[in-house]
Amino acid sequence: MKKILLLSSLFCLAVATSCSDKFLDVQPKAALAVTTLQNKTGVNALLIGAYALLDGWATPEGAYRSYNVGADNWVYGSVASDDAYKGTIAGDQPPISLIEQGNIQADNIYFRGKWRGMYDGIARSNDVLQALAVATDMTEAEKQQVTAESRFLRGHFHFELKKMFNMVPYIDEKIYNPNDLESTKVANSADIWPNIVADLKAAYDVLPAKQTQVGRPTKWAAAAELAKTYLFQKKYAEAKPLLEAIVASGQYKLMDRYHDNFRAVTNNNTESIFEVQYSVNDGASGGENGNAGSTLNYPYGGGGVTTCCGFFQPSQNLVNAFKTDANGLPLVDTFNASDVTSDIGIESTAPFTPYAGALDPRLDWTVGRRGIPYLDWGVHPGKAYVRDQAYGGPYSPKKHVMYKSDVGTNTFAGNPRLNANNYRLIRYDHVLLWLAEIEVEIGDLNKARAYVNQIRRRAANPDGFVKNADGTPAANYVIKEYTTAWADQAIARKAVQFEERLEFGMEGHRRFDLVRWGIADQTLNSYYSLEAKKRSYLTGVQFTKGKHEYFPIPIQEIFNSKKDGKETLTQNPGY
């Protein structure tokens, strides 16, 4: 679905005049009259505008920038976890550095960018529902379909805010009054999980199992997102039947090759349940329909992929997590005892021998490292692709990067870093591993192991290994299924959680998963203490339990929430 940028009715309403002279009642030429949108064409245009906010990118750069609000949450879910460093150099995008270093303050512009992007999406969803209520040229079935899609989007936007900030206002079309700019200044004192659940449940009850147009949510997309909200609330019994229904539908399956989840040419494949759609060379100004949220996250220099910008570098901790033992299983408790060999401090012109130990093959579809083919760009040269190894480490991001063969077709003509490689928000592998989680908590450990083994079986497909030019595996890939029953729930829980890290590394989920699992403090504090020996800027960083599970409400939004002289928003504890 191509994005259409629309003026929200929030900004387009003309103030009515009390003059009775009709010839003076002239519609402002620069505004779109609300009545123009109160029909089938207008409603659907508004709905497309709401979809456009899935990546948060709608307003000019001067207001907030694309990488504040990217759908993949690379800053908040990955850089703020143990998966990634900010990368590049110390002086570039310092607000991200502050987040990475645990110096988390309410005046950080990144938090405000995410807040505004998601509430823009909520406003657009509400615009749709308000216009729909007075549209007279739509059938009841059409209205129900549009309502379901709008409520799915509204539920999703609120979910993003909930997992980021926890106590946030829920705004629906009944609260929002376009004639009263104070109407959305409501308190954030209530837990909005029930509201999110209600929106997603309403979508699930109405949406079809399949859509004729890619990018629109199906019944199963709503089921998966609803199940995910239940997982965040530890309501496993409620999540389980939704996920099992997705499996039973037979509509989805794992792709044979893991990396086909990260290619523009395999967008919207049979594993994908809901994707944020990107497009390029479609007439949009500046290529803004491309993956703008990740526009910084490419190798730097080296005469290869791009000359900019060197952000979002995988951590050594993440790379180490892909080591396997003699049985082809992950080193769940000891993976970080030693490092996978890197080329840190070694010039690209100097000899280097890549790590020869056993590795999970998903590593080299997640991380770009010296001596290993980097998609179809050739062998990763190491230091020549990295802006500052001493600061950001030796590795490059990989999952969202365009292939050389995409350039000119799936990349924007004016900037190849803007590409049409969709962000797979929910995939079938999520469903299987969420079911594994649930079986660990309230079910059968053997069933949980079977779900995990489906994921590992796919990863072990030799056809999906990164290959050298001569067709041989690029590294010593050794991965096998769990053949022995897990001894107890604690061991099973660790194994499932570890598998989720391997499967979804560098996809913006990690910190949010650690928080919902209740292990963020011990995991991240252990990470900081060891990583400080490699990245000195992490010295003394601490994750404070009871505070850092959520980010602060943006201070400017608190100031702007004043109504009758009193702030309606309350800051999160500890900030």
Protein backbone atom coordinates (compact mmCIF):
# COMPACT_ATOMS: atom_id res chain seq x y z
CA MET A 1 0.00 0.00 0.00
CA LYS A 2 1.52 3.32 -1.02
CA LYS A 3 1.36 6.08 1.51
CA ILE A 4 -0.65 9.23 0.95
CA LEU A 5 0.25 12.23 3.03
CA LEU A 6 -2.87 13.97 4.24
CA LEU A 7 -3.64 17.01 6.30
CA SER A 8 -5.33 15.81 9.46
CA SER A 9 -8.67 17.43 10.11
CA LEU A 10 -7.19 18.48 13.41
CA PHE A 11 -5.28 21.13 11.52
CA CYS A 12 -7.72 21.75 8.71
CA LEU A 13 -10.87 22.98 10.40
CA ALA A 14 -11.92 26.45 9.48
CA VAL A 15 -13.45 28.59 12.15
CA ALA A 16 -17.09 29.35 11.26
CA THR A 17 -18.10 32.97 10.98
CA SER A 18 -21.22 34.44 12.50
CA CYS A 19 -21.71 36.82 9.56
CA SER A 20 -25.03 36.27 7.77
CA ASP A 21 -23.77 37.62 4.45
CA LYS A 22 -23.30 34.39 2.49
CA PHE A 23 -20.99 35.97 -0.05
CA LEU A 24 -18.48 36.50 2.74
CA ASP A 25 -18.46 32.79 3.69
CA VAL A 26 -15.41 31.83 1.65
CA GLN A 27 -13.64 28.49 2.22
CA PRO A 28 -9.94 29.04 3.00
CA LYS A 29 -7.94 28.08 -0.08
CA ALA A 30 -5.14 26.40 1.89
CA ALA A 31 -7.43 24.18 3.97
CA LEU A 32 -9.26 20.98 3.22
CA ALA A 33 -12.87 21.26 4.29
CA VAL A 34 -14.01 18.52 6.65
CA THR A 35 -17.13 17.92 4.58
CA THR A 36 -14.92 16.96 1.63
CA LEU A 37 -13.80 13.90 3.60
CA GLN A 38 -17.20 12.77 4.88
CA ASN A 39 -17.80 10.26 2.11
CA LYS A 40 -16.38 6.95 0.93
CA THR A 41 -13.53 8.51 -1.00
CA GLY A 42 -12.58 10.83 1.83
CA VAL A 43 -12.84 8.14 4.50
CA ASN A 44 -10.56 5.81 2.58
CA ALA A 45 -8.07 8.61 1.96
CA LEU A 46 -8.01 9.34 5.69
CA LEU A 47 -7.50 5.64 6.40
CA ILE A 48 -4.50 5.48 4.08
CA GLY A 49 -3.15 8.53 5.90
CA ALA A 50 -3.44 6.62 9.18
CA TYR A 51 -1.52 3.68 7.70
CA ALA A 52 1.21 6.12 6.69
CA LEU A 53 1.95 6.71 10.38
CA LEU A 54 2.93 3.10 11.03
CA ASP A 55 6.52 4.23 10.56
CA GLY A 56 5.81 7.46 12.45
CA TRP A 57 7.09 9.61 9.60
CA ALA A 58 4.78 12.38 8.50
CA THR A 59 5.94 15.83 9.50
CA PRO A 60 8.88 17.88 8.21
CA GLU A 61 12.34 17.22 9.57
CA GLY A 62 12.26 20.40 11.62
CA ALA A 63 9.56 18.95 13.87
CA TYR A 64 11.03 15.52 14.50
CA ARG A 65 13.09 13.20 12.41
CA SER A 66 12.45 9.81 10.87
CA TYR A 67 14.89 7.93 13.07
CA ASN A 68 13.09 9.08 16.23
CA VAL A 69 10.01 7.16 15.21
CA GLY A 70 11.01 4.26 12.96
CA ALA A 71 8.70 1.26 13.11
CA ASP A 72 11.59 -1.04 14.01
CA ASN A 73 12.34 0.81 17.30
CA TRP A 74 16.06 0.37 16.66
CA VAL A 75 16.99 3.00 19.25
CA TYR A 76 14.59 1.99 22.01
CA GLY A 77 14.48 -1.77 21.57
CA SER A 78 18.02 -2.57 20.40
CA VAL A 79 20.51 0.22 21.18
CA ALA A 80 18.93 0.57 24.64
CA SER A 81 19.49 -3.16 25.16
CA ASP A 82 22.39 -5.59 24.88
CA ASP A 83 21.91 -6.14 21.12
CA ALA A 84 23.51 -3.03 19.65
CA TYR A 85 25.66 0.04 20.08
CA LYS A 86 24.64 3.41 18.70
CA GLY A 87 27.74 3.14 16.55
CA THR A 88 29.20 5.79 14.20
CA ILE A 89 31.19 8.39 16.25
CA ALA A 90 30.66 9.85 19.69
CA GLY A 91 29.51 13.27 18.49
CA ASP A 92 26.85 12.14 16.03
CA GLN A 93 23.23 12.07 17.30
CA PRO A 94 24.11 12.55 21.00
CA PRO A 95 20.49 12.01 22.13
CA ILE A 96 20.90 8.34 21.15
CA SER A 97 24.17 8.18 23.08
CA LEU A 98 22.39 9.39 26.19
CA ILE A 99 19.79 6.63 25.84
CA GLU A 100 22.45 3.98 25.23
CA GLN A 101 24.44 5.13 28.25
CA GLY A 102 21.47 5.03 30.61
CA ASN A 103 21.40 8.82 30.92
CA ILE A 104 17.67 8.77 30.29
CA GLN A 105 16.06 12.16 30.74
CA ALA A 106 12.59 13.50 30.01
CA ASP A 107 13.91 16.28 27.75
CA ASN A 108 15.49 13.88 25.22
CA ILE A 109 14.06 14.82 21.83
CA TYR A 110 13.90 11.19 20.74
CA PHE A 111 11.26 10.37 23.33
CA ARG A 112 9.18 13.32 22.21
CA GLY A 113 9.54 12.25 18.59
CA LYS A 114 8.20 8.78 19.30
CA TRP A 115 5.36 10.19 21.43
CA ARG A 116 4.29 12.63 18.73
CA GLY A 117 4.56 10.10 15.93
CA MET A 118 2.31 7.60 17.67
CA TYR A 119 -0.25 10.18 18.79
CA ASP A 120 -0.30 11.52 15.22
CA GLY A 121 -1.25 8.01 14.16
CA ILE A 122 -3.95 7.87 16.83
CA ALA A 123 -5.32 11.25 15.70
CA ARG A 124 -5.51 10.03 12.11
CA SER A 125 -7.27 6.84 13.19
CA ASN A 126 -9.81 8.92 15.08
CA ASP A 127 -10.26 11.21 12.07
CA VAL A 128 -11.29 8.16 10.07
CA LEU A 129 -13.87 7.07 12.63
CA GLN A 130 -15.35 10.55 12.95
CA ALA A 131 -15.67 10.98 9.18
CA LEU A 132 -17.09 7.48 8.89
CA ALA A 133 -19.83 8.26 11.38
CA VAL A 134 -21.38 10.84 9.03
CA ALA A 135 -20.56 9.30 5.66
CA THR A 136 -23.78 8.47 3.80
CA ASP A 137 -22.49 6.68 0.69
CA MET A 138 -21.04 3.57 2.35
CA THR A 139 -22.67 0.23 3.05
CA GLU A 140 -22.80 -1.15 6.56
CA ALA A 141 -20.27 -3.83 5.59
CA GLU A 142 -17.87 -1.19 4.27
CA LYS A 143 -18.22 0.82 7.46
CA GLN A 144 -17.54 -2.23 9.59
CA GLN A 145 -14.39 -3.02 7.60
CA VAL A 146 -13.03 0.52 7.87
CA THR A 147 -13.87 0.66 11.57
CA ALA A 148 -11.98 -2.60 12.17
CA GLU A 149 -8.89 -1.41 10.30
CA SER A 150 -8.93 1.94 12.09
CA ARG A 151 -9.28 0.32 15.50
CA PHE A 152 -6.44 -2.09 14.69
CA LEU A 153 -4.21 0.88 13.89
CA ARG A 154 -5.33 2.82 16.96
CA GLY A 155 -4.72 -0.21 19.14
CA HIS A 156 -1.27 -0.66 17.64
CA PHE A 157 -0.26 2.98 18.14
CA HIS A 158 -1.41 2.91 21.76
CA PHE A 159 0.44 -0.40 22.26
CA GLU A 160 3.66 1.20 21.04
CA LEU A 161 3.19 4.02 23.55
CA LYS A 162 2.25 1.64 26.36
CA LYS A 163 5.37 -0.49 26.04
CA MET A 164 7.55 2.63 25.78
CA PHE A 165 6.06 4.86 28.48
CA ASN A 166 3.54 2.67 30.37
CA MET A 167 1.18 5.31 31.79
CA VAL A 168 -0.11 7.13 28.74
CA PRO A 169 -3.50 8.66 27.86
CA TYR A 170 -5.89 6.66 25.73
CA ILE A 171 -7.53 8.89 23.11
CA ASP A 172 -10.47 7.70 21.04
CA GLU A 173 -12.87 9.44 18.65
CA LYS A 174 -15.27 10.19 21.49
CA ILE A 175 -12.64 12.01 23.54
CA TYR A 176 -11.19 13.89 20.59
CA ASN A 177 -13.29 16.92 19.68
CA PRO A 178 -11.90 18.79 16.64
CA ASN A 179 -13.69 21.91 17.82
CA ASP A 180 -11.92 21.82 21.20
CA LEU A 181 -8.14 21.71 21.09
CA GLU A 182 -8.14 21.04 24.83
CA SER A 183 -10.17 17.84 24.44
CA THR A 184 -7.16 15.53 24.22
CA LYS A 185 -5.58 16.92 27.38
CA VAL A 186 -6.57 13.99 29.56
CA ALA A 187 -4.85 12.42 32.53
CA ASN A 188 -2.52 9.42 32.21
CA SER A 189 -3.66 7.96 35.53
CA ALA A 190 -5.45 4.87 34.14
CA ASP A 191 -3.94 1.64 32.84
CA ILE A 192 -4.91 1.55 29.17
CA TRP A 193 -4.42 -2.19 28.55
CA PRO A 194 -8.22 -2.75 28.55
CA ASN A 195 -8.64 -0.05 25.89
CA ILE A 196 -5.93 -1.53 23.68
CA VAL A 197 -7.40 -5.00 24.07
CA ALA A 198 -10.88 -3.68 23.19
CA ASP A 199 -9.60 -2.06 19.97
CA LEU A 200 -7.71 -5.15 18.85
CA LYS A 201 -10.54 -7.49 19.85
CA ALA A 202 -12.97 -5.40 17.79
CA ALA A 203 -10.62 -5.65 14.83
CA TYR A 204 -10.19 -9.41 15.28
CA ASP A 205 -13.94 -9.98 15.32
CA VAL A 206 -14.51 -8.24 11.98
CA LEU A 207 -11.39 -8.37 9.79
CA PRO A 208 -11.23 -11.04 7.08
CA ALA A 209 -8.75 -13.92 7.12
CA LYS A 210 -7.24 -12.51 3.92
CA GLN A 211 -7.12 -9.03 2.43
CA THR A 212 -7.11 -8.22 -1.25
CA GLN A 213 -4.53 -5.48 -0.72
CA VAL A 214 -1.22 -6.12 1.02
CA GLY A 215 -0.50 -3.93 4.01
CA ARG A 216 -4.00 -4.05 5.45
CA PRO A 217 -4.33 -6.15 8.62
CA THR A 218 -6.12 -9.48 8.52
CA LYS A 219 -8.04 -11.28 11.25
CA TRP A 220 -4.80 -13.12 12.04
CA ALA A 221 -2.74 -9.94 12.27
CA ALA A 222 -5.24 -8.65 14.83
CA ALA A 223 -5.11 -12.03 16.64
CA ALA A 224 -1.31 -11.90 16.82
CA GLU A 225 -1.18 -8.30 18.02
CA LEU A 226 -3.90 -9.02 20.58
CA ALA A 227 -2.03 -12.10 21.79
CA LYS A 228 1.11 -10.01 22.10
CA THR A 229 -0.69 -7.55 24.37
CA TYR A 230 -1.76 -10.48 26.55
CA LEU A 231 1.85 -11.69 26.74
CA PHE A 232 2.93 -8.27 27.96
CA GLN A 233 0.32 -8.64 30.70
CA LYS A 234 1.32 -12.28 31.41
CA LYS A 235 -2.19 -13.39 30.47
CA TYR A 236 -1.02 -16.61 28.88
CA ALA A 237 -4.37 -18.39 28.90
CA GLU A 238 -5.94 -15.55 26.91
CA ALA A 239 -3.09 -15.44 24.37
CA LYS A 240 -2.86 -19.17 23.72
CA PRO A 241 -6.09 -19.81 21.75
CA LEU A 242 -5.46 -16.79 19.53
CA LEU A 243 -2.01 -18.02 18.56
CA GLU A 244 -3.19 -21.59 18.13
CA ALA A 245 -5.94 -20.34 15.81
CA ILE A 246 -3.29 -18.67 13.63
CA VAL A 247 -1.41 -21.97 13.37
CA ALA A 248 -4.63 -23.90 12.69
CA SER A 249 -5.60 -21.49 9.91
CA GLY A 250 -2.90 -23.00 7.70
CA GLN A 251 -2.37 -19.59 6.14
CA TYR A 252 1.22 -19.14 7.29
CA LYS A 253 4.41 -21.14 7.32
CA LEU A 254 8.09 -20.55 7.95
CA MET A 255 10.00 -19.59 4.85
CA ASP A 256 12.53 -22.27 3.93
CA ARG A 257 15.36 -19.76 4.26
CA TYR A 258 15.62 -17.48 7.29
CA HIS A 259 17.02 -14.55 5.34
CA ASP A 260 14.00 -14.32 3.07
CA ASN A 261 12.38 -12.39 5.93
CA PHE A 262 14.77 -9.51 5.28
CA ARG A 263 14.69 -8.94 1.53
CA ALA A 264 12.63 -6.48 -0.48
CA VAL A 265 12.04 -9.08 -3.19
CA THR A 266 10.37 -11.36 -0.61
CA ASN A 267 8.15 -8.75 1.03
CA ASN A 268 4.74 -10.02 2.17
CA ASN A 269 5.73 -13.68 2.01
CA THR A 270 3.95 -16.66 3.57
CA GLU A 271 5.71 -16.15 6.92
CA SER A 272 4.64 -12.54 7.25
CA ILE A 273 1.54 -11.78 9.32
CA PHE A 274 1.78 -7.98 9.31
CA GLU A 275 4.32 -5.73 7.64
CA VAL A 276 4.94 -2.01 7.61
CA GLN A 277 4.94 -1.28 3.89
CA TYR A 278 7.66 0.79 2.21
CA SER A 279 7.89 1.95 -1.38
CA VAL A 280 10.29 4.03 -3.44
CA ASN A 281 10.31 5.87 -6.77
CA ASP A 282 6.56 6.27 -6.42
CA GLY A 283 6.36 10.03 -6.86
CA ALA A 284 6.57 10.83 -3.15
CA SER A 285 8.74 13.83 -2.35
CA GLY A 286 12.25 12.89 -1.27
CA GLY A 287 11.62 9.16 -1.24
CA GLU A 288 9.88 9.52 2.10
CA ASN A 289 7.84 6.34 1.60
CA GLY A 290 11.04 4.32 1.88
CA ASN A 291 12.39 2.92 5.11
CA ALA A 292 13.24 6.36 6.48
CA GLY A 293 13.48 5.20 10.10
CA SER A 294 16.64 3.22 9.32
CA THR A 295 18.26 5.73 6.99
CA LEU A 296 21.30 6.13 9.28
CA ASN A 297 21.96 2.42 9.70
CA TYR A 298 24.34 1.46 6.91
CA PRO A 299 28.06 0.66 6.63
CA TYR A 300 30.20 3.76 6.46
CA GLY A 301 32.60 4.23 3.55
CA GLY A 302 34.79 1.52 2.12
CA GLY A 303 33.63 2.04 -1.44
CA GLY A 304 30.82 -0.42 -0.91
CA VAL A 305 27.19 -0.14 0.18
CA THR A 306 27.01 3.58 1.06
CA THR A 307 29.19 6.38 2.37
CA CYS A 308 26.85 7.02 5.29
CA CYS A 309 26.19 6.76 8.17
CA GLY A 310 27.64 3.99 10.33
CA PHE A 311 24.93 3.79 13.01
CA PHE A 312 23.35 0.75 14.70
CA GLN A 313 26.34 -1.53 15.13
CA PRO A 314 25.73 -4.98 16.64
CA SER A 315 27.24 -5.55 20.07
CA GLN A 316 29.94 -8.10 20.80
CA ASN A 317 27.53 -9.58 23.33
CA LEU A 318 24.98 -10.28 20.59
CA VAL A 319 27.61 -11.81 18.32
CA ASN A 320 28.80 -14.08 21.15
CA ALA A 321 25.23 -15.28 21.70
CA PHE A 322 25.36 -17.11 18.34
CA LYS A 323 28.10 -19.52 19.45
CA THR A 324 27.04 -23.16 19.65
CA ASP A 325 28.40 -26.18 21.50
CA ALA A 326 29.42 -29.62 20.21
CA ASN A 327 25.75 -30.59 20.04
CA GLY A 328 24.86 -27.54 17.94
CA LEU A 329 22.99 -25.90 20.83
CA PRO A 330 23.35 -22.37 22.21
CA LEU A 331 25.60 -21.66 25.17
CA VAL A 332 22.73 -20.16 27.15
CA ASP A 333 24.66 -19.53 30.37
CA THR A 334 28.26 -19.28 29.16
CA PHE A 335 28.05 -17.65 25.70
CA ASN A 336 29.78 -14.46 26.84
CA ALA A 337 32.73 -16.11 28.59
CA SER A 338 34.88 -15.52 25.51
CA ASP A 339 34.49 -13.43 22.38
CA VAL A 340 33.93 -14.46 18.81
CA THR A 341 37.10 -13.26 17.09
CA SER A 342 36.74 -9.83 15.52
CA ASP A 343 39.00 -7.55 13.51
CA ILE A 344 38.91 -4.76 16.09
CA GLY A 345 41.95 -2.55 15.55
CA ILE A 346 43.02 -4.39 12.39
CA GLU A 347 43.26 -2.48 9.12
CA SER A 348 41.29 -3.83 6.19
CA THR A 349 44.57 -4.20 4.29
CA ALA A 350 46.09 -6.39 7.02
CA PRO A 351 45.59 -10.16 7.27
CA PHE A 352 42.67 -11.46 9.34
CA THR A 353 41.29 -14.92 9.97
CA PRO A 354 37.60 -15.08 10.94
CA TYR A 355 36.44 -17.05 13.95
CA ALA A 356 36.65 -20.81 13.32
CA GLY A 357 34.41 -22.00 16.17
CA ALA A 358 30.89 -23.34 15.79
CA LEU A 359 28.23 -20.72 15.09
CA ASP A 360 24.49 -20.47 14.57
CA PRO A 361 24.06 -19.55 10.87
CA ARG A 362 21.58 -16.80 11.75
CA LEU A 363 24.55 -14.75 12.97
CA ASP A 364 25.67 -13.87 9.47
CA TRP A 365 22.20 -12.78 8.36
CA THR A 366 21.99 -10.53 11.42
CA VAL A 367 25.51 -9.10 11.65
CA GLY A 368 28.01 -7.92 9.06
CA ARG A 369 31.52 -9.03 10.04
CA ARG A 370 34.97 -9.12 8.51
CA GLY A 371 35.66 -11.90 6.04
CA ILE A 372 32.01 -12.92 5.56
CA PRO A 373 29.97 -12.05 2.42
CA TYR A 374 27.81 -8.99 3.06
CA LEU A 375 24.63 -9.81 1.15
CA ASP A 376 25.62 -9.50 -2.54
CA TRP A 377 28.03 -6.61 -2.01
CA GLY A 378 31.09 -8.82 -1.66
CA VAL A 379 33.07 -9.82 1.39
CA HIS A 380 32.77 -7.46 4.37
CA PRO A 381 36.16 -5.69 4.53
CA GLY A 382 36.04 -4.92 8.24
CA LYS A 383 37.41 -1.58 9.34
CA ALA A 384 36.81 0.06 5.95
CA TYR A 385 33.06 -0.35 6.53
CA VAL A 386 33.14 1.09 10.05
CA ARG A 387 33.31 4.77 10.90
CA ASP A 388 35.11 4.40 14.26
CA GLN A 389 35.93 0.88 15.42
CA ALA A 390 37.27 2.00 18.77
CA TYR A 391 33.96 3.69 19.55
CA GLY A 392 31.30 1.55 17.89
CA GLY A 393 32.98 -1.82 17.52
CA PRO A 394 33.80 -3.82 14.38
CA TYR A 395 30.36 -4.96 13.18
CA SER A 396 27.71 -3.66 10.74
CA PRO A 397 23.90 -4.02 10.70
CA LYS A 398 22.49 -6.27 8.00
CA LYS A 399 18.81 -7.23 8.20
CA HIS A 400 17.27 -4.08 6.74
CA VAL A 401 20.09 -3.27 4.31
CA MET A 402 19.33 -3.36 0.60
CA TYR A 403 21.03 -5.83 -1.72
CA LYS A 404 23.25 -4.51 -4.49
CA SER A 405 20.75 -6.05 -6.90
CA ASP A 406 18.03 -3.83 -5.37
CA VAL A 407 19.75 -0.58 -6.26
CA GLY A 408 17.66 1.43 -8.70
CA THR A 409 14.56 -0.74 -8.30
CA ASN A 410 13.95 -1.25 -4.57
CA THR A 411 15.98 1.81 -3.59
CA PHE A 412 15.13 5.48 -4.02
CA ALA A 413 16.87 7.07 -6.97
CA GLY A 414 17.94 10.09 -4.89
CA ASN A 415 19.21 8.15 -1.87
CA PRO A 416 19.74 4.36 -1.96
CA ARG A 417 19.53 4.18 1.84
CA LEU A 418 15.80 4.76 1.44
CA ASN A 419 14.65 1.33 0.36
CA ALA A 420 11.49 -0.72 -0.05
CA ASN A 421 12.49 -3.54 2.29
CA ASN A 422 9.41 -3.78 4.53
CA TYR A 423 9.62 -4.10 8.30
CA ARG A 424 8.02 -7.39 9.30
CA LEU A 425 6.27 -6.35 12.47
CA ILE A 426 4.79 -9.79 13.20
CA ARG A 427 5.87 -13.05 11.56
CA TYR A 428 4.90 -16.69 11.97
CA ASP A 429 8.16 -17.33 13.86
CA HIS A 430 6.88 -14.86 16.48
CA VAL A 431 3.72 -16.93 16.82
CA LEU A 432 5.64 -20.18 17.30
CA LEU A 433 8.01 -18.77 19.89
CA TRP A 434 5.21 -17.00 21.75
CA LEU A 435 3.43 -20.34 21.92
CA ALA A 436 6.64 -21.86 23.27
CA GLU A 437 6.67 -19.19 25.98
CA ILE A 438 3.09 -19.99 26.90
CA GLU A 439 3.71 -23.73 27.08
CA VAL A 440 6.63 -23.09 29.44
CA GLU A 441 4.46 -21.00 31.74
CA ILE A 442 1.14 -22.87 31.77
CA GLY A 443 1.49 -25.94 29.59
CA ASP A 444 3.82 -28.68 28.44
CA LEU A 445 7.62 -28.29 28.28
CA ASN A 446 7.84 -30.86 25.49
CA LYS A 447 5.38 -28.86 23.38
CA ALA A 448 7.47 -25.77 24.05
CA ARG A 449 10.57 -27.62 22.86
CA ALA A 450 8.77 -28.75 19.72
CA TYR A 451 7.89 -25.15 18.84
CA VAL A 452 11.49 -24.04 19.37
CA ASN A 453 12.74 -26.94 17.27
CA GLN A 454 10.62 -25.78 14.32
CA ILE A 455 12.56 -22.51 14.43
CA ARG A 456 15.94 -24.24 14.77
CA ARG A 457 15.12 -26.75 12.00
CA ARG A 458 14.57 -23.90 9.58
CA ALA A 459 17.77 -22.17 10.67
CA ALA A 460 19.69 -25.41 10.06
CA ASN A 461 18.68 -25.57 6.38
CA PRO A 462 22.03 -25.48 4.51
CA ASP A 463 20.34 -23.71 1.60
CA GLY A 464 19.88 -20.77 3.96
CA PHE A 465 23.52 -20.47 5.02
CA VAL A 466 25.64 -17.50 3.97
CA LYS A 467 27.92 -18.85 1.26
CA ASN A 468 31.33 -17.95 -0.10
CA ALA A 469 31.75 -17.30 -3.80
CA ASP A 470 32.60 -20.98 -4.34
CA GLY A 471 29.35 -22.11 -2.69
CA THR A 472 30.89 -23.32 0.58
CA PRO A 473 29.50 -22.13 3.94
CA ALA A 474 31.08 -18.82 4.95
CA ALA A 475 31.74 -20.00 8.51
CA ASN A 476 31.59 -23.11 10.69
CA TYR A 477 27.82 -23.30 10.98
CA VAL A 478 26.65 -25.91 13.49
CA ILE A 479 23.04 -25.82 14.66
CA LYS A 480 20.80 -28.67 15.80
CA GLU A 481 17.49 -29.22 17.51
CA TYR A 482 16.95 -29.90 21.21
CA THR A 483 16.69 -33.69 21.45
CA THR A 484 16.73 -34.00 25.24
CA ALA A 485 13.80 -32.90 27.37
CA TRP A 486 14.39 -29.76 29.40
CA ALA A 487 14.88 -30.65 33.05
CA ASP A 488 12.61 -28.02 34.53
CA GLN A 489 10.65 -24.87 33.86
CA ALA A 490 13.56 -22.51 34.62
CA ILE A 491 15.81 -24.19 32.05
CA ALA A 492 13.01 -24.23 29.48
CA ARG A 493 12.23 -20.57 30.06
CA LYS A 494 15.88 -19.60 29.51
CA ALA A 495 16.06 -21.67 26.33
CA VAL A 496 12.95 -20.11 24.82
CA GLN A 497 13.98 -16.58 25.73
CA PHE A 498 17.44 -17.18 24.29
CA GLU A 499 15.93 -18.49 21.06
CA GLU A 500 13.86 -15.33 20.72
CA ARG A 501 17.01 -13.26 21.00
CA LEU A 502 18.73 -15.25 18.25
CA GLU A 503 15.71 -15.23 15.94
CA PHE A 504 14.88 -11.52 16.30
CA GLY A 505 18.29 -9.94 16.95
CA MET A 506 18.61 -6.33 15.74
CA GLU A 507 14.85 -6.08 15.09
CA GLY A 508 13.97 -3.67 17.92
CA HIS A 509 12.29 -6.15 20.30
CA ARG A 510 15.02 -6.98 22.80
CA ARG A 511 14.63 -4.37 25.57
CA PHE A 512 10.84 -4.69 25.54
CA ASP A 513 11.15 -8.47 25.81
CA LEU A 514 13.59 -8.21 28.73
CA VAL A 515 11.18 -5.90 30.53
CA ARG A 516 8.11 -8.08 30.00
CA TRP A 517 10.08 -11.16 31.10
CA GLY A 518 11.12 -9.33 34.28
CA ILE A 519 14.85 -9.86 33.72
CA ALA A 520 15.90 -6.48 32.33
CA ASP A 521 17.81 -5.37 35.42
CA GLN A 522 20.01 -8.44 35.86
CA THR A 523 20.56 -8.98 32.12
CA LEU A 524 21.45 -5.41 31.27
CA ASN A 525 23.51 -4.71 34.37
CA SER A 526 25.59 -7.80 33.64
CA TYR A 527 25.96 -6.59 30.06
CA TYR A 528 27.05 -3.09 31.12
CA SER A 529 29.66 -4.35 33.57
CA LEU A 530 31.36 -6.53 30.95
CA GLU A 531 30.90 -4.28 27.94
CA ALA A 532 32.46 -1.35 29.79
CA LYS A 533 35.80 -3.09 29.20
CA LYS A 534 35.23 -2.74 25.45
CA ARG A 535 33.12 0.45 25.26
CA SER A 536 34.41 2.80 27.96
CA TYR A 537 31.34 5.02 27.66
CA LEU A 538 29.32 2.24 29.32
CA THR A 539 31.37 2.47 32.51
CA GLY A 540 29.09 2.91 35.51
CA VAL A 541 25.85 2.50 33.52
CA GLN A 542 23.06 0.95 35.58
CA PHE A 543 19.54 -0.23 34.85
CA THR A 544 17.52 0.79 37.91
CA LYS A 545 14.70 -1.61 38.68
CA GLY A 546 11.40 0.18 39.21
CA LYS A 547 12.48 3.09 37.01
CA HIS A 548 14.09 2.09 33.74
CA GLU A 549 11.50 -0.45 32.67
CA TYR A 550 9.84 2.52 31.00
CA PHE A 551 11.08 5.72 29.44
CA PRO A 552 10.06 9.11 30.83
CA ILE A 553 7.03 11.01 29.60
CA PRO A 554 8.49 13.76 27.38
CA ILE A 555 8.77 16.88 29.53
CA GLN A 556 7.51 19.18 26.77
CA GLU A 557 4.35 17.08 26.49
CA ILE A 558 3.81 17.46 30.23
CA PHE A 559 4.19 21.23 29.91
CA ASN A 560 1.80 21.26 26.95
CA SER A 561 -0.79 19.22 28.81
CA LYS A 562 -1.84 22.13 31.01
CA LYS A 563 -5.57 22.61 31.20
CA ASP A 564 -7.07 25.30 33.41
CA GLY A 565 -3.52 26.00 34.61
CA LYS A 566 -2.85 22.42 35.76
CA GLU A 567 -0.78 19.75 34.05
CA THR A 568 -2.88 16.71 33.16
CA LEU A 569 0.10 14.40 32.52
CA THR A 570 2.10 12.92 35.40
CA GLN A 571 5.73 11.85 35.05
CA ASN A 572 6.75 8.21 35.44
CA PRO A 573 8.35 7.16 38.76
CA GLY A 574 12.00 8.04 39.23
CA TYR A 575 12.26 10.76 36.58
